[in-house]
Amino acid sequence: MSLIITDDCINCDVCEPECPNGAISQGEEIYVIDPNLCTECVGHYDEPQCQQVCPVDCIPLDEHRVESKDELMKKYLIITGKA
């Protein structure tokens, strides 16, 4: 699954630099995650780094974008040019 940022986001700016895929960017009102770039940090880390640093716990899994760990790894390989 991709991750999403909810309306609880306080725009603290700590999640964006933690994303190894560059999936997080400033949206119109809050930060947003590009689901095509989000691998939940699979391939980079054991846990999503944005979730680890978020002070308000507003980055859950996007239940509308279900992906297995294998699918996330394939996406990671494509994004990083290792495929």
PDB file of N, CA and C in Angstrom:
ATOM      1  N   MET A   1       0.830  -1.185   0.000  1.00  0.00           N
ATOM      2  CA  MET A   1       0.000   0.000   0.000  1.00  0.00           C
ATOM      3  C   MET A   1       0.870   1.242   0.000  1.00  0.00           C
ATOM      4  N   SER A   2       0.352   2.224  -0.589  1.00  0.00           N
ATOM      5  CA  SER A   2       0.972   3.539  -0.488  1.00  0.00           C
ATOM      6  C   SER A   2       0.528   4.138   0.838  1.00  0.00           C
ATOM      7  N   LEU A   3       1.218   5.137   1.274  1.00  0.00           N
ATOM      8  CA  LEU A   3       0.821   5.875   2.459  1.00  0.00           C
ATOM      9  C   LEU A   3       0.109   7.154   2.019  1.00  0.00           C
ATOM     10  N   ILE A   4      -0.688   7.713   2.902  1.00  0.00           N
ATOM     11  CA  ILE A   4      -1.351   8.987   2.638  1.00  0.00           C
ATOM     12  C   ILE A   4      -1.126   9.906   3.837  1.00  0.00           C
ATOM     13  N   ILE A   5      -1.278  11.177   3.626  1.00  0.00           N
ATOM     14  CA  ILE A   5      -1.194  12.146   4.710  1.00  0.00           C
ATOM     15  C   ILE A   5      -2.592  12.707   4.915  1.00  0.00           C
ATOM     16  N   THR A   6      -3.082  12.631   6.148  1.00  0.00           N
ATOM     17  CA  THR A   6      -4.449  13.063   6.444  1.00  0.00           C
ATOM     18  C   THR A   6      -4.510  14.557   6.739  1.00  0.00           C
ATOM     19  N   ASP A   7      -5.719  15.042   6.885  1.00  0.00           N
ATOM     20  CA  ASP A   7      -5.951  16.452   7.187  1.00  0.00           C
ATOM     21  C   ASP A   7      -5.416  16.864   8.552  1.00  0.00           C
ATOM     22  N   ASP A   8      -4.981  15.904   9.356  1.00  0.00           N
ATOM     23  CA  ASP A   8      -4.392  16.219  10.660  1.00  0.00           C
ATOM     24  C   ASP A   8      -2.981  16.786  10.529  1.00  0.00           C
ATOM     25  N   CYS A   9      -2.430  16.771   9.306  1.00  0.00           N
ATOM     26  CA  CYS A   9      -1.084  17.276   9.055  1.00  0.00           C
ATOM     27  C   CYS A   9      -0.967  18.730   9.529  1.00  0.00           C
ATOM     28  N   ILE A  10       0.139  19.021  10.232  1.00  0.00           N
ATOM     29  CA  ILE A  10       0.357  20.381  10.736  1.00  0.00           C
ATOM     30  C   ILE A  10       1.453  21.113   9.943  1.00  0.00           C
ATOM     31  N   ASN A  11       1.835  20.560   8.795  1.00  0.00           N
ATOM     32  CA  ASN A  11       2.850  21.179   7.929  1.00  0.00           C
ATOM     33  C   ASN A  11       4.149  21.484   8.676  1.00  0.00           C
ATOM     34  N   CYS A  12       4.610  20.510   9.438  1.00  0.00           N
ATOM     35  CA  CYS A  12       5.821  20.727  10.238  1.00  0.00           C
ATOM     36  C   CYS A  12       7.101  20.528   9.427  1.00  0.00           C
ATOM     37  N   ASP A  13       6.987  20.016   8.229  1.00  0.00           N
ATOM     38  CA  ASP A  13       8.115  19.865   7.305  1.00  0.00           C
ATOM     39  C   ASP A  13       9.102  18.745   7.644  1.00  0.00           C
ATOM     40  N   VAL A  14       8.804  17.874   8.595  1.00  0.00           N
ATOM     41  CA  VAL A  14       9.788  16.848   8.944  1.00  0.00           C
ATOM     42  C   VAL A  14       9.715  15.602   8.060  1.00  0.00           C
ATOM     43  N   CYS A  15       8.582  15.328   7.450  1.00  0.00           N
ATOM     44  CA  CYS A  15       8.436  14.106   6.659  1.00  0.00           C
ATOM     45  C   CYS A  15       9.095  14.196   5.283  1.00  0.00           C
ATOM     46  N   GLU A  16       8.987  15.330   4.642  1.00  0.00           N
ATOM     47  CA  GLU A  16       9.461  15.472   3.257  1.00  0.00           C
ATOM     48  C   GLU A  16      10.925  15.068   3.076  1.00  0.00           C
ATOM     49  N   PRO A  17      11.857  15.567   3.876  1.00  0.00           N
ATOM     50  CA  PRO A  17      13.254  15.197   3.649  1.00  0.00           C
ATOM     51  C   PRO A  17      13.572  13.749   4.021  1.00  0.00           C
ATOM     52  N   GLU A  18      12.689  13.087   4.750  1.00  0.00           N
ATOM     53  CA  GLU A  18      12.932  11.697   5.158  1.00  0.00           C
ATOM     54  C   GLU A  18      12.585  10.690   4.067  1.00  0.00           C
ATOM     55  N   CYS A  19      11.813  11.094   3.070  1.00  0.00           N
ATOM     56  CA  CYS A  19      11.369  10.159   2.029  1.00  0.00           C
ATOM     57  C   CYS A  19      12.501   9.882   1.036  1.00  0.00           C
ATOM     58  N   PRO A  20      12.983   8.640   0.978  1.00  0.00           N
ATOM     59  CA  PRO A  20      14.092   8.322   0.079  1.00  0.00           C
ATOM     60  C   PRO A  20      13.705   8.315  -1.400  1.00  0.00           C
ATOM     61  N   ASN A  21      12.408   8.274  -1.686  1.00  0.00           N
ATOM     62  CA  ASN A  21      11.942   8.241  -3.073  1.00  0.00           C
ATOM     63  C   ASN A  21      11.451   9.591  -3.566  1.00  0.00           C
ATOM     64  N   GLY A  22      11.458  10.598  -2.723  1.00  0.00           N
ATOM     65  CA  GLY A  22      10.948  11.907  -3.127  1.00  0.00           C
ATOM     66  C   GLY A  22       9.457  11.910  -3.365  1.00  0.00           C
ATOM     67  N   ALA A  23       8.727  11.044  -2.663  1.00  0.00           N
ATOM     68  CA  ALA A  23       7.285  10.916  -2.874  1.00  0.00           C
ATOM     69  C   ALA A  23       6.474  11.981  -2.146  1.00  0.00           C
ATOM     70  N   ILE A  24       7.071  12.661  -1.181  1.00  0.00           N
ATOM     71  CA  ILE A  24       6.341  13.635  -0.377  1.00  0.00           C
ATOM     72  C   ILE A  24       6.654  15.049  -0.860  1.00  0.00           C
ATOM     73  N   SER A  25       5.587  15.828  -1.043  1.00  0.00           N
ATOM     74  CA  SER A  25       5.760  17.219  -1.459  1.00  0.00           C
ATOM     75  C   SER A  25       4.668  18.076  -0.831  1.00  0.00           C
ATOM     76  N   GLN A  26       4.868  19.371  -0.851  1.00  0.00           N
ATOM     77  CA  GLN A  26       3.877  20.289  -0.307  1.00  0.00           C
ATOM     78  C   GLN A  26       2.702  20.376  -1.260  1.00  0.00           C
ATOM     79  N   GLY A  27       1.523  20.106  -0.757  1.00  0.00           N
ATOM     80  CA  GLY A  27       0.305  20.247  -1.546  1.00  0.00           C
ATOM     81  C   GLY A  27      -0.269  21.630  -1.360  1.00  0.00           C
ATOM     82  N   GLU A  28      -1.520  21.812  -1.770  1.00  0.00           N
ATOM     83  CA  GLU A  28      -2.150  23.128  -1.636  1.00  0.00           C
ATOM     84  C   GLU A  28      -2.301  23.550  -0.178  1.00  0.00           C
ATOM     85  N   GLU A  29      -2.675  22.594   0.677  1.00  0.00           N
ATOM     86  CA  GLU A  29      -2.883  22.932   2.085  1.00  0.00           C
ATOM     87  C   GLU A  29      -1.985  22.132   3.021  1.00  0.00           C
ATOM     88  N   ILE A  30      -1.753  20.869   2.699  1.00  0.00           N
ATOM     89  CA  ILE A  30      -0.920  20.001   3.522  1.00  0.00           C
ATOM     90  C   ILE A  30       0.030  19.229   2.617  1.00  0.00           C
ATOM     91  N   TYR A  31       0.957  18.518   3.224  1.00  0.00           N
ATOM     92  CA  TYR A  31       1.853  17.680   2.436  1.00  0.00           C
ATOM     93  C   TYR A  31       1.063  16.530   1.820  1.00  0.00           C
ATOM     94  N   VAL A  32       1.541  16.054   0.679  1.00  0.00           N
ATOM     95  CA  VAL A  32       0.891  14.957  -0.024  1.00  0.00           C
ATOM     96  C   VAL A  32       1.947  13.916  -0.400  1.00  0.00           C
ATOM     97  N   ILE A  33       1.480  12.691  -0.633  1.00  0.00           N
ATOM     98  CA  ILE A  33       2.360  11.603  -1.033  1.00  0.00           C
ATOM     99  C   ILE A  33       1.953  11.121  -2.415  1.00  0.00           C
ATOM    100  N   ASP A  34       2.907  11.070  -3.336  1.00  0.00           N
ATOM    101  CA  ASP A  34       2.668  10.545  -4.679  1.00  0.00           C
ATOM    102  C   ASP A  34       2.659   9.022  -4.578  1.00  0.00           C
ATOM    103  N   PRO A  35       1.505   8.392  -4.784  1.00  0.00           N
ATOM    104  CA  PRO A  35       1.421   6.939  -4.632  1.00  0.00           C
ATOM    105  C   PRO A  35       2.275   6.175  -5.644  1.00  0.00           C
ATOM    106  N   ASN A  36       2.620   6.814  -6.742  1.00  0.00           N
ATOM    107  CA  ASN A  36       3.463   6.151  -7.736  1.00  0.00           C
ATOM    108  C   ASN A  36       4.925   6.085  -7.299  1.00  0.00           C
ATOM    109  N   LEU A  37       5.294   6.891  -6.311  1.00  0.00           N
ATOM    110  CA  LEU A  37       6.665   6.899  -5.810  1.00  0.00           C
ATOM    111  C   LEU A  37       6.802   6.299  -4.413  1.00  0.00           C
ATOM    112  N   CYS A  38       5.687   6.133  -3.719  1.00  0.00           N
ATOM    113  CA  CYS A  38       5.733   5.617  -2.352  1.00  0.00           C
ATOM    114  C   CYS A  38       5.885   4.097  -2.354  1.00  0.00           C
ATOM    115  N   THR A  39       6.927   3.632  -1.678  1.00  0.00           N
ATOM    116  CA  THR A  39       7.141   2.185  -1.516  1.00  0.00           C
ATOM    117  C   THR A  39       7.106   1.797  -0.045  1.00  0.00           C
ATOM    118  N   GLU A  40       6.595   2.686   0.814  1.00  0.00           N
ATOM    119  CA  GLU A  40       6.623   2.476   2.261  1.00  0.00           C
ATOM    120  C   GLU A  40       8.057   2.249   2.733  1.00  0.00           C
ATOM    121  N   CYS A  41       8.997   2.788   2.010  1.00  0.00           N
ATOM    122  CA  CYS A  41      10.441   2.681   2.275  1.00  0.00           C
ATOM    123  C   CYS A  41      10.989   1.273   2.049  1.00  0.00           C
ATOM    124  N   VAL A  42      10.184   0.389   1.452  1.00  0.00           N
ATOM    125  CA  VAL A  42      10.681  -0.941   1.102  1.00  0.00           C
ATOM    126  C   VAL A  42      11.876  -0.762   0.171  1.00  0.00           C
ATOM    127  N   GLY A  43      12.944  -1.483   0.458  1.00  0.00           N
ATOM    128  CA  GLY A  43      14.169  -1.367  -0.316  1.00  0.00           C
ATOM    129  C   GLY A  43      15.166  -0.414   0.310  1.00  0.00           C
ATOM    130  N   HIS A  44      14.670   0.502   1.110  1.00  0.00           N
ATOM    131  CA  HIS A  44      15.528   1.480   1.775  1.00  0.00           C
ATOM    132  C   HIS A  44      15.634   1.208   3.277  1.00  0.00           C
ATOM    133  N   TYR A  45      14.480   1.055   3.925  1.00  0.00           N
ATOM    134  CA  TYR A  45      14.413   0.917   5.375  1.00  0.00           C
ATOM    135  C   TYR A  45      13.402  -0.162   5.756  1.00  0.00           C
ATOM    136  N   ASP A  46      13.448  -0.587   7.008  1.00  0.00           N
ATOM    137  CA  ASP A  46      12.507  -1.587   7.503  1.00  0.00           C
ATOM    138  C   ASP A  46      11.127  -1.012   7.786  1.00  0.00           C
ATOM    139  N   GLU A  47      11.063   0.294   8.040  1.00  0.00           N
ATOM    140  CA  GLU A  47       9.798   0.950   8.350  1.00  0.00           C
ATOM    141  C   GLU A  47       9.722   2.279   7.610  1.00  0.00           C
ATOM    142  N   PRO A  48       8.496   2.714   7.282  1.00  0.00           N
ATOM    143  CA  PRO A  48       8.352   4.014   6.616  1.00  0.00           C
ATOM    144  C   PRO A  48       8.913   5.134   7.488  1.00  0.00           C
ATOM    145  N   GLN A  49       9.858   5.858   6.945  1.00  0.00           N
ATOM    146  CA  GLN A  49      10.531   6.902   7.704  1.00  0.00           C
ATOM    147  C   GLN A  49       9.618   8.088   8.012  1.00  0.00           C
ATOM    148  N   CYS A  50       8.710   8.407   7.117  1.00  0.00           N
ATOM    149  CA  CYS A  50       7.799   9.526   7.368  1.00  0.00           C
ATOM    150  C   CYS A  50       6.928   9.248   8.589  1.00  0.00           C
ATOM    151  N   GLN A  51       6.479   7.999   8.727  1.00  0.00           N
ATOM    152  CA  GLN A  51       5.672   7.649   9.893  1.00  0.00           C
ATOM    153  C   GLN A  51       6.493   7.756  11.176  1.00  0.00           C
ATOM    154  N   GLN A  52       7.752   7.427  11.087  1.00  0.00           N
ATOM    155  CA  GLN A  52       8.612   7.455  12.267  1.00  0.00           C
ATOM    156  C   GLN A  52       8.825   8.868  12.798  1.00  0.00           C
ATOM    157  N   VAL A  53       8.887   9.856  11.913  1.00  0.00           N
ATOM    158  CA  VAL A  53       9.180  11.226  12.352  1.00  0.00           C
ATOM    159  C   VAL A  53       7.941  12.101  12.533  1.00  0.00           C
ATOM    160  N   CYS A  54       6.798  11.664  12.067  1.00  0.00           N
ATOM    161  CA  CYS A  54       5.579  12.480  12.141  1.00  0.00           C
ATOM    162  C   CYS A  54       5.145  12.684  13.593  1.00  0.00           C
ATOM    163  N   PRO A  55       5.097  13.941  14.039  1.00  0.00           N
ATOM    164  CA  PRO A  55       4.736  14.205  15.439  1.00  0.00           C
ATOM    165  C   PRO A  55       3.241  14.078  15.732  1.00  0.00           C
ATOM    166  N   VAL A  56       2.393  14.060  14.703  1.00  0.00           N
ATOM    167  CA  VAL A  56       0.950  13.973  14.941  1.00  0.00           C
ATOM    168  C   VAL A  56       0.346  12.673  14.433  1.00  0.00           C
ATOM    169  N   ASP A  57       1.189  11.759  13.975  1.00  0.00           N
ATOM    170  CA  ASP A  57       0.737  10.430  13.560  1.00  0.00           C
ATOM    171  C   ASP A  57      -0.380  10.511  12.506  1.00  0.00           C
ATOM    172  N   CYS A  58      -0.112  11.263  11.431  1.00  0.00           N
ATOM    173  CA  CYS A  58      -1.152  11.481  10.414  1.00  0.00           C
ATOM    174  C   CYS A  58      -0.812  10.829   9.068  1.00  0.00           C
ATOM    175  N   ILE A  59       0.004   9.758   9.092  1.00  0.00           N
ATOM    176  CA  ILE A  59       0.403   9.121   7.838  1.00  0.00           C
ATOM    177  C   ILE A  59       0.056   7.622   7.881  1.00  0.00           C
ATOM    178  N   PRO A  60      -1.210   7.294   7.641  1.00  0.00           N
ATOM    179  CA  PRO A  60      -1.630   5.888   7.632  1.00  0.00           C
ATOM    180  C   PRO A  60      -1.455   5.269   6.247  1.00  0.00           C
ATOM    181  N   LEU A  61      -1.733   3.967   6.179  1.00  0.00           N
ATOM    182  CA  LEU A  61      -1.760   3.271   4.892  1.00  0.00           C
ATOM    183  C   LEU A  61      -2.984   3.717   4.112  1.00  0.00           C
ATOM    184  N   ASP A  62      -2.846   3.819   2.805  1.00  0.00           N
ATOM    185  CA  ASP A  62      -3.956   4.162   1.927  1.00  0.00           C
ATOM    186  C   ASP A  62      -4.641   2.863   1.526  1.00  0.00           C
ATOM    187  N   GLU A  63      -5.772   2.603   2.123  1.00  0.00           N
ATOM    188  CA  GLU A  63      -6.483   1.347   1.875  1.00  0.00           C
ATOM    189  C   GLU A  63      -7.025   1.237   0.455  1.00  0.00           C
ATOM    190  N   HIS A  64      -6.982   2.326  -0.293  1.00  0.00           N
ATOM    191  CA  HIS A  64      -7.441   2.307  -1.681  1.00  0.00           C
ATOM    192  C   HIS A  64      -6.330   1.910  -2.641  1.00  0.00           C
ATOM    193  N   ARG A  65      -5.114   1.755  -2.137  1.00  0.00           N
ATOM    194  CA  ARG A  65      -3.956   1.391  -2.962  1.00  0.00           C
ATOM    195  C   ARG A  65      -3.220   0.229  -2.309  1.00  0.00           C
ATOM    196  N   VAL A  66      -3.820  -0.928  -2.377  1.00  0.00           N
ATOM    197  CA  VAL A  66      -3.257  -2.127  -1.765  1.00  0.00           C
ATOM    198  C   VAL A  66      -2.122  -2.668  -2.631  1.00  0.00           C
ATOM    199  N   GLU A  67      -0.939  -2.835  -2.030  1.00  0.00           N
ATOM    200  CA  GLU A  67       0.219  -3.401  -2.715  1.00  0.00           C
ATOM    201  C   GLU A  67       0.931  -4.344  -1.751  1.00  0.00           C
ATOM    202  N   SER A  68       1.371  -5.483  -2.260  1.00  0.00           N
ATOM    203  CA  SER A  68       2.120  -6.433  -1.437  1.00  0.00           C
ATOM    204  C   SER A  68       3.556  -5.948  -1.285  1.00  0.00           C
ATOM    205  N   LYS A  69       4.284  -6.565  -0.369  1.00  0.00           N
ATOM    206  CA  LYS A  69       5.704  -6.220  -0.198  1.00  0.00           C
ATOM    207  C   LYS A  69       6.468  -6.507  -1.490  1.00  0.00           C
ATOM    208  N   ASP A  70       6.104  -7.564  -2.203  1.00  0.00           N
ATOM    209  CA  ASP A  70       6.751  -7.875  -3.484  1.00  0.00           C
ATOM    210  C   ASP A  70       6.494  -6.778  -4.516  1.00  0.00           C
ATOM    211  N   GLU A  71       5.254  -6.293  -4.570  1.00  0.00           N
ATOM    212  CA  GLU A  71       4.928  -5.214  -5.503  1.00  0.00           C
ATOM    213  C   GLU A  71       5.673  -3.936  -5.138  1.00  0.00           C
ATOM    214  N   LEU A  72       5.775  -3.657  -3.841  1.00  0.00           N
ATOM    215  CA  LEU A  72       6.510  -2.471  -3.399  1.00  0.00           C
ATOM    216  C   LEU A  72       7.992  -2.593  -3.746  1.00  0.00           C
ATOM    217  N   MET A  73       8.546  -3.802  -3.622  1.00  0.00           N
ATOM    218  CA  MET A  73       9.944  -4.019  -3.973  1.00  0.00           C
ATOM    219  C   MET A  73      10.157  -3.829  -5.474  1.00  0.00           C
ATOM    220  N   LYS A  74       9.232  -4.298  -6.292  1.00  0.00           N
ATOM    221  CA  LYS A  74       9.335  -4.101  -7.746  1.00  0.00           C
ATOM    222  C   LYS A  74       9.296  -2.608  -8.078  1.00  0.00           C
ATOM    223  N   LYS A  75       8.402  -1.881  -7.403  1.00  0.00           N
ATOM    224  CA  LYS A  75       8.315  -0.437  -7.621  1.00  0.00           C
ATOM    225  C   LYS A  75       9.624   0.236  -7.213  1.00  0.00           C
ATOM    226  N   TYR A  76      10.187  -0.171  -6.073  1.00  0.00           N
ATOM    227  CA  TYR A  76      11.467   0.363  -5.603  1.00  0.00           C
ATOM    228  C   TYR A  76      12.554   0.142  -6.650  1.00  0.00           C
ATOM    229  N   LEU A  77      12.611  -1.057  -7.205  1.00  0.00           N
ATOM    230  CA  LEU A  77      13.641  -1.382  -8.198  1.00  0.00           C
ATOM    231  C   LEU A  77      13.504  -0.512  -9.458  1.00  0.00           C
ATOM    232  N   ILE A  78      12.274  -0.263  -9.865  1.00  0.00           N
ATOM    233  CA  ILE A  78      12.036   0.592 -11.035  1.00  0.00           C
ATOM    234  C   ILE A  78      12.407   2.042 -10.725  1.00  0.00           C
ATOM    235  N   ILE A  79      11.960   2.545  -9.584  1.00  0.00           N
ATOM    236  CA  ILE A  79      12.221   3.936  -9.199  1.00  0.00           C
ATOM    237  C   ILE A  79      13.722   4.211  -9.107  1.00  0.00           C
ATOM    238  N   THR A  80      14.460   3.256  -8.545  1.00  0.00           N
ATOM    239  CA  THR A  80      15.889   3.460  -8.309  1.00  0.00           C
ATOM    240  C   THR A  80      16.753   3.047  -9.504  1.00  0.00           C
ATOM    241  N   GLY A  81      16.118   2.525 -10.547  1.00  0.00           N
ATOM    242  CA  GLY A  81      16.866   2.116 -11.728  1.00  0.00           C
ATOM    243  C   GLY A  81      17.637   0.811 -11.551  1.00  0.00           C
ATOM    244  N   LYS A  82      17.242   0.035 -10.564  1.00  0.00           N
ATOM    245  CA  LYS A  82      17.903  -1.236 -10.292  1.00  0.00           C
ATOM    246  C   LYS A  82      17.164  -2.413 -10.897  1.00  0.00           C
ATOM    247  N   ALA A  83      16.106  -2.143 -11.641  1.00  0.00           N
ATOM    248  CA  ALA A  83      15.302  -3.228 -12.218  1.00  0.00           C
ATOM    249  C   ALA A  83      16.010  -3.838 -13.427  1.00  0.00           C
TER     250      ALA A  83
END
